[in-house]
PDB file of all heavy atoms in Angstrom:
ATOM      1  N   LEU A   1      47.244 -92.124 -54.834  1.00  0.00           N
ATOM      2  CA  LEU A   1      46.014 -92.896 -54.741  1.00  0.00           C
ATOM      3  C   LEU A   1      45.544 -93.248 -53.397  1.00  0.00           C
ATOM      4  O   LEU A   1      44.861 -94.257 -53.145  1.00  0.00           O
ATOM      5  CB  LEU A   1      46.091 -94.139 -55.617  1.00  0.00           C
ATOM      6  CG  LEU A   1      46.436 -93.986 -57.119  1.00  0.00           C
ATOM      7  CD1 LEU A   1      46.677 -95.404 -57.765  1.00  0.00           C
ATOM      8  CD2 LEU A   1      45.340 -93.181 -57.794  1.00  0.00           C
ATOM      9  N   ASP A   2      46.071 -92.515 -52.414  1.00  0.00           N
ATOM     10  CA  ASP A   2      45.760 -92.757 -50.982  1.00  0.00           C
ATOM     11  C   ASP A   2      44.262 -92.873 -50.730  1.00  0.00           C
ATOM     12  O   ASP A   2      43.521 -91.957 -51.130  1.00  0.00           O
ATOM     13  CB  ASP A   2      46.351 -91.635 -50.166  1.00  0.00           C
ATOM     14  CG  ASP A   2      47.863 -91.517 -50.292  1.00  0.00           C
ATOM     15  OD1 ASP A   2      48.621 -92.395 -49.850  1.00  0.00           O
ATOM     16  OD2 ASP A   2      48.248 -90.531 -50.969  1.00  0.00           O
ATOM     17  N   GLY A   3      43.906 -93.912 -49.993  1.00  0.00           N
ATOM     18  CA  GLY A   3      42.499 -94.136 -49.699  1.00  0.00           C
ATOM     19  C   GLY A   3      41.623 -94.735 -50.711  1.00  0.00           C
ATOM     20  O   GLY A   3      40.501 -95.008 -50.563  1.00  0.00           O
ATOM     21  N   GLN A   4      42.192 -94.896 -51.974  1.00  0.00           N
ATOM     22  CA  GLN A   4      41.362 -95.474 -52.995  1.00  0.00           C
ATOM     23  C   GLN A   4      41.349 -96.949 -53.024  1.00  0.00           C
ATOM     24  O   GLN A   4      42.274 -97.621 -52.495  1.00  0.00           O
ATOM     25  CB  GLN A   4      41.817 -94.909 -54.388  1.00  0.00           C
ATOM     26  CG  GLN A   4      41.645 -93.517 -54.550  1.00  0.00           C
ATOM     27  CD  GLN A   4      41.856 -93.033 -56.022  1.00  0.00           C
ATOM     28  OE1 GLN A   4      41.728 -93.871 -56.946  1.00  0.00           O
ATOM     29  NE2 GLN A   4      42.194 -91.774 -56.150  1.00  0.00           N
ATOM     30  N   ILE A   5      40.286 -97.502 -53.660  1.00  0.00           N
ATOM     31  CA  ILE A   5      40.185 -98.964 -53.744  1.00  0.00           C
ATOM     32  C   ILE A   5      40.355 -99.251 -55.274  1.00  0.00           C
ATOM     33  O   ILE A   5      39.603 -98.748 -56.118  1.00  0.00           O
ATOM     34  CB  ILE A   5      38.765 -99.508 -53.326  1.00  0.00           C
ATOM     35  CG1 ILE A   5      38.512 -99.031 -51.909  1.00  0.00           C
ATOM     36  CG2 ILE A   5      38.744-101.009 -53.532  1.00  0.00           C
ATOM     37  CD1 ILE A   5      39.575 -99.622 -50.846  1.00  0.00           C
ATOM     38  N   ALA A   6      41.400-100.104 -55.631  1.00  0.00           N
ATOM     39  CA  ALA A   6      41.692-100.437 -56.989  1.00  0.00           C
ATOM     40  C   ALA A   6      41.511-101.900 -57.189  1.00  0.00           C
ATOM     41  O   ALA A   6      42.119-102.687 -56.540  1.00  0.00           O
ATOM     42  CB  ALA A   6      43.095 -99.977 -57.343  1.00  0.00           C
ATOM     43  N   VAL A   7      40.677-102.312 -58.168  1.00  0.00           N
ATOM     44  CA  VAL A   7      40.488-103.715 -58.516  1.00  0.00           C
ATOM     45  C   VAL A   7      41.270-103.981 -59.760  1.00  0.00           C
ATOM     46  O   VAL A   7      41.206-103.267 -60.741  1.00  0.00           O
ATOM     47  CB  VAL A   7      38.971-103.994 -58.696  1.00  0.00           C
ATOM     48  CG1 VAL A   7      38.759-105.326 -59.358  1.00  0.00           C
ATOM     49  CG2 VAL A   7      38.143-103.831 -57.512  1.00  0.00           C
ATOM     50  N   VAL A   8      42.089-105.057 -59.641  1.00  0.00           N
ATOM     51  CA  VAL A   8      42.879-105.543 -60.821  1.00  0.00           C
ATOM     52  C   VAL A   8      42.530-106.891 -61.266  1.00  0.00           C
ATOM     53  O   VAL A   8      42.934-107.827 -60.436  1.00  0.00           O
ATOM     54  CB  VAL A   8      44.427-105.338 -60.588  1.00  0.00           C
ATOM     55  CG1 VAL A   8      45.213-105.715 -61.848  1.00  0.00           C
ATOM     56  CG2 VAL A   8      44.730-103.927 -60.050  1.00  0.00           C
ATOM     57  N   THR A   9      41.815-107.096 -62.259  1.00  0.00           N
ATOM     58  CA  THR A   9      41.562-108.442 -62.705  1.00  0.00           C
ATOM     59  C   THR A   9      42.786-109.080 -63.358  1.00  0.00           C
ATOM     60  O   THR A   9      43.508-108.376 -64.021  1.00  0.00           O
ATOM     61  CB  THR A   9      40.317-108.501 -63.625  1.00  0.00           C
ATOM     62  OG1 THR A   9      40.712-108.009 -64.947  1.00  0.00           O
ATOM     63  CG2 THR A   9      39.169-107.709 -63.133  1.00  0.00           C
ATOM     64  N   GLY A  10      42.964-110.370 -63.169  1.00  0.00           N
ATOM     65  CA  GLY A  10      44.139-111.024 -63.670  1.00  0.00           C
ATOM     66  C   GLY A  10      45.366-110.382 -62.916  1.00  0.00           C
ATOM     67  O   GLY A  10      46.420-110.364 -63.471  1.00  0.00           O
ATOM     68  N   GLY A  11      45.157-110.015 -61.675  1.00  0.00           N
ATOM     69  CA  GLY A  11      46.158-109.221 -60.947  1.00  0.00           C
ATOM     70  C   GLY A  11      47.322-110.093 -60.494  1.00  0.00           C
ATOM     71  O   GLY A  11      48.286-109.461 -59.858  1.00  0.00           O
ATOM     72  N   SER A  12      47.378-111.391 -60.705  1.00  0.00           N
ATOM     73  CA  SER A  12      48.465-112.231 -60.380  1.00  0.00           C
ATOM     74  C   SER A  12      49.344-112.548 -61.547  1.00  0.00           C
ATOM     75  O   SER A  12      50.304-113.247 -61.398  1.00  0.00           O
ATOM     76  CB  SER A  12      48.052-113.487 -59.655  1.00  0.00           C
ATOM     77  OG  SER A  12      47.178-114.317 -60.562  1.00  0.00           O
ATOM     78  N   GLY A  13      48.948-112.003 -62.733  1.00  0.00           N
ATOM     79  CA  GLY A  13      49.677-112.395 -63.961  1.00  0.00           C
ATOM     80  C   GLY A  13      50.802-111.469 -64.266  1.00  0.00           C
ATOM     81  O   GLY A  13      51.165-110.643 -63.388  1.00  0.00           O
ATOM     82  N   LEU A  14      51.439-111.531 -65.426  1.00  0.00           N
ATOM     83  CA  LEU A  14      52.602-110.821 -65.783  1.00  0.00           C
ATOM     84  C   LEU A  14      52.369-109.320 -65.600  1.00  0.00           C
ATOM     85  O   LEU A  14      53.014-108.680 -64.751  1.00  0.00           O
ATOM     86  CB  LEU A  14      53.014-111.033 -67.199  1.00  0.00           C
ATOM     87  CG  LEU A  14      53.785-112.360 -67.433  1.00  0.00           C
ATOM     88  CD1 LEU A  14      53.982-112.633 -68.948  1.00  0.00           C
ATOM     89  CD2 LEU A  14      55.137-112.381 -66.750  1.00  0.00           C
ATOM     90  N   TYR A  15      51.565-108.726 -66.389  1.00  0.00           N
ATOM     91  CA  TYR A  15      51.286-107.233 -66.296  1.00  0.00           C
ATOM     92  C   TYR A  15      50.411-107.015 -65.043  1.00  0.00           C
ATOM     93  O   TYR A  15      50.540-105.916 -64.406  1.00  0.00           O
ATOM     94  CB  TYR A  15      50.513-106.770 -67.564  1.00  0.00           C
ATOM     95  CG  TYR A  15      51.566-106.104 -68.551  1.00  0.00           C
ATOM     96  CD1 TYR A  15      51.405-106.444 -69.890  1.00  0.00           C
ATOM     97  CD2 TYR A  15      52.572-105.314 -68.178  1.00  0.00           C
ATOM     98  CE1 TYR A  15      52.261-105.928 -70.877  1.00  0.00           C
ATOM     99  CE2 TYR A  15      53.444-104.728 -69.135  1.00  0.00           C
ATOM    100  CZ  TYR A  15      53.285-105.019 -70.403  1.00  0.00           C
ATOM    101  OH  TYR A  15      54.146-104.514 -71.383  1.00  0.00           O
ATOM    102  N   GLY A  16      49.504-107.911 -64.707  1.00  0.00           N
ATOM    103  CA  GLY A  16      48.599-107.690 -63.608  1.00  0.00           C
ATOM    104  C   GLY A  16      49.300-107.458 -62.270  1.00  0.00           C
ATOM    105  O   GLY A  16      48.945-106.534 -61.597  1.00  0.00           O
ATOM    106  N   LEU A  17      50.362-108.189 -62.012  1.00  0.00           N
ATOM    107  CA  LEU A  17      51.021-108.024 -60.734  1.00  0.00           C
ATOM    108  C   LEU A  17      51.792-106.688 -60.672  1.00  0.00           C
ATOM    109  O   LEU A  17      51.768-106.018 -59.672  1.00  0.00           O
ATOM    110  CB  LEU A  17      51.986-109.176 -60.497  1.00  0.00           C
ATOM    111  CG  LEU A  17      52.768-109.137 -59.133  1.00  0.00           C
ATOM    112  CD1 LEU A  17      51.773-109.082 -57.889  1.00  0.00           C
ATOM    113  CD2 LEU A  17      53.704-110.322 -59.053  1.00  0.00           C
ATOM    114  N   LEU A  18      52.294-106.318 -61.837  1.00  0.00           N
ATOM    115  CA  LEU A  18      53.007-104.992 -61.880  1.00  0.00           C
ATOM    116  C   LEU A  18      52.071-103.859 -61.754  1.00  0.00           C
ATOM    117  O   LEU A  18      52.354-102.914 -61.074  1.00  0.00           O
ATOM    118  CB  LEU A  18      53.751-104.910 -63.297  1.00  0.00           C
ATOM    119  CG  LEU A  18      54.819-105.947 -63.604  1.00  0.00           C
ATOM    120  CD1 LEU A  18      55.344-105.671 -64.960  1.00  0.00           C
ATOM    121  CD2 LEU A  18      55.889-105.931 -62.541  1.00  0.00           C
ATOM    122  N   ILE A  19      50.943-103.941 -62.309  1.00  0.00           N
ATOM    123  CA  ILE A  19      49.865-102.922 -62.183  1.00  0.00           C
ATOM    124  C   ILE A  19      49.361-102.861 -60.747  1.00  0.00           C
ATOM    125  O   ILE A  19      49.225-101.756 -60.171  1.00  0.00           O
ATOM    126  CB  ILE A  19      48.680-103.058 -63.197  1.00  0.00           C
ATOM    127  CG1 ILE A  19      49.190-102.948 -64.620  1.00  0.00           C
ATOM    128  CG2 ILE A  19      47.600-102.209 -62.889  1.00  0.00           C
ATOM    129  CD1 ILE A  19      48.222-103.410 -65.692  1.00  0.00           C
ATOM    130  N   ALA A  20      49.146-104.056 -60.132  1.00  0.00           N
ATOM    131  CA  ALA A  20      48.732-104.095 -58.755  1.00  0.00           C
ATOM    132  C   ALA A  20      49.747-103.421 -57.864  1.00  0.00           C
ATOM    133  O   ALA A  20      49.474-102.674 -56.945  1.00  0.00           O
ATOM    134  CB  ALA A  20      48.449-105.475 -58.356  1.00  0.00           C
ATOM    135  N   ARG A  21      50.988-103.738 -58.083  1.00  0.00           N
ATOM    136  CA  ARG A  21      52.075-103.213 -57.301  1.00  0.00           C
ATOM    137  C   ARG A  21      52.116-101.624 -57.479  1.00  0.00           C
ATOM    138  O   ARG A  21      52.236-100.902 -56.510  1.00  0.00           O
ATOM    139  CB  ARG A  21      53.414-103.780 -57.632  1.00  0.00           C
ATOM    140  CG  ARG A  21      54.581-103.169 -56.931  1.00  0.00           C
ATOM    141  CD  ARG A  21      55.891-103.807 -57.224  1.00  0.00           C
ATOM    142  NE  ARG A  21      56.036-105.118 -56.598  1.00  0.00           N
ATOM    143  CZ  ARG A  21      56.222-106.266 -57.303  1.00  0.00           C
ATOM    144  NH1 ARG A  21      56.114-106.234 -58.658  1.00  0.00           N
ATOM    145  NH2 ARG A  21      56.289-107.498 -56.656  1.00  0.00           N
ATOM    146  N   ALA A  22      51.947-101.205 -58.679  1.00  0.00           N
ATOM    147  CA  ALA A  22      52.063 -99.766 -58.951  1.00  0.00           C
ATOM    148  C   ALA A  22      50.858 -99.035 -58.149  1.00  0.00           C
ATOM    149  O   ALA A  22      51.134 -97.961 -57.543  1.00  0.00           O
ATOM    150  CB  ALA A  22      51.898 -99.476 -60.416  1.00  0.00           C
ATOM    151  N   MET A  23      49.691 -99.624 -58.243  1.00  0.00           N
ATOM    152  CA  MET A  23      48.564 -98.959 -57.481  1.00  0.00           C
ATOM    153  C   MET A  23      48.792 -98.997 -55.960  1.00  0.00           C
ATOM    154  O   MET A  23      48.568 -97.931 -55.372  1.00  0.00           O
ATOM    155  CB  MET A  23      47.241 -99.799 -57.732  1.00  0.00           C
ATOM    156  CG  MET A  23      46.813 -99.847 -59.209  1.00  0.00           C
ATOM    157  SD  MET A  23      46.245 -98.219 -59.792  1.00  0.00           S
ATOM    158  CE  MET A  23      46.019 -98.630 -61.507  1.00  0.00           C
ATOM    159  N   GLY A  24      49.365-100.076 -55.473  1.00  0.00           N
ATOM    160  CA  GLY A  24      49.682-100.097 -54.043  1.00  0.00           C
ATOM    161  C   GLY A  24      50.763 -99.106 -53.624  1.00  0.00           C
ATOM    162  O   GLY A  24      50.707 -98.440 -52.621  1.00  0.00           O
ATOM    163  N   GLU A  25      51.809 -98.989 -54.483  1.00  0.00           N
ATOM    164  CA  GLU A  25      52.856 -98.074 -54.197  1.00  0.00           C
ATOM    165  C   GLU A  25      52.395 -96.655 -54.202  1.00  0.00           C
ATOM    166  O   GLU A  25      53.005 -95.775 -53.583  1.00  0.00           O
ATOM    167  CB  GLU A  25      54.024 -98.267 -55.154  1.00  0.00           C
ATOM    168  CG  GLU A  25      54.798 -99.586 -54.923  1.00  0.00           C
ATOM    169  CD  GLU A  25      55.863 -99.906 -55.988  1.00  0.00           C
ATOM    170  OE1 GLU A  25      55.837 -99.189 -57.061  1.00  0.00           O
ATOM    171  OE2 GLU A  25      56.685-100.755 -55.792  1.00  0.00           O
TER     172      GLU A  25
END
């Protein structure tokens, strides 16, 4: 996903943080 912008709503919650981390990784 290099160069992409990913918005994660509820991104600090249980699944949200995991999804945000996955997108970043």
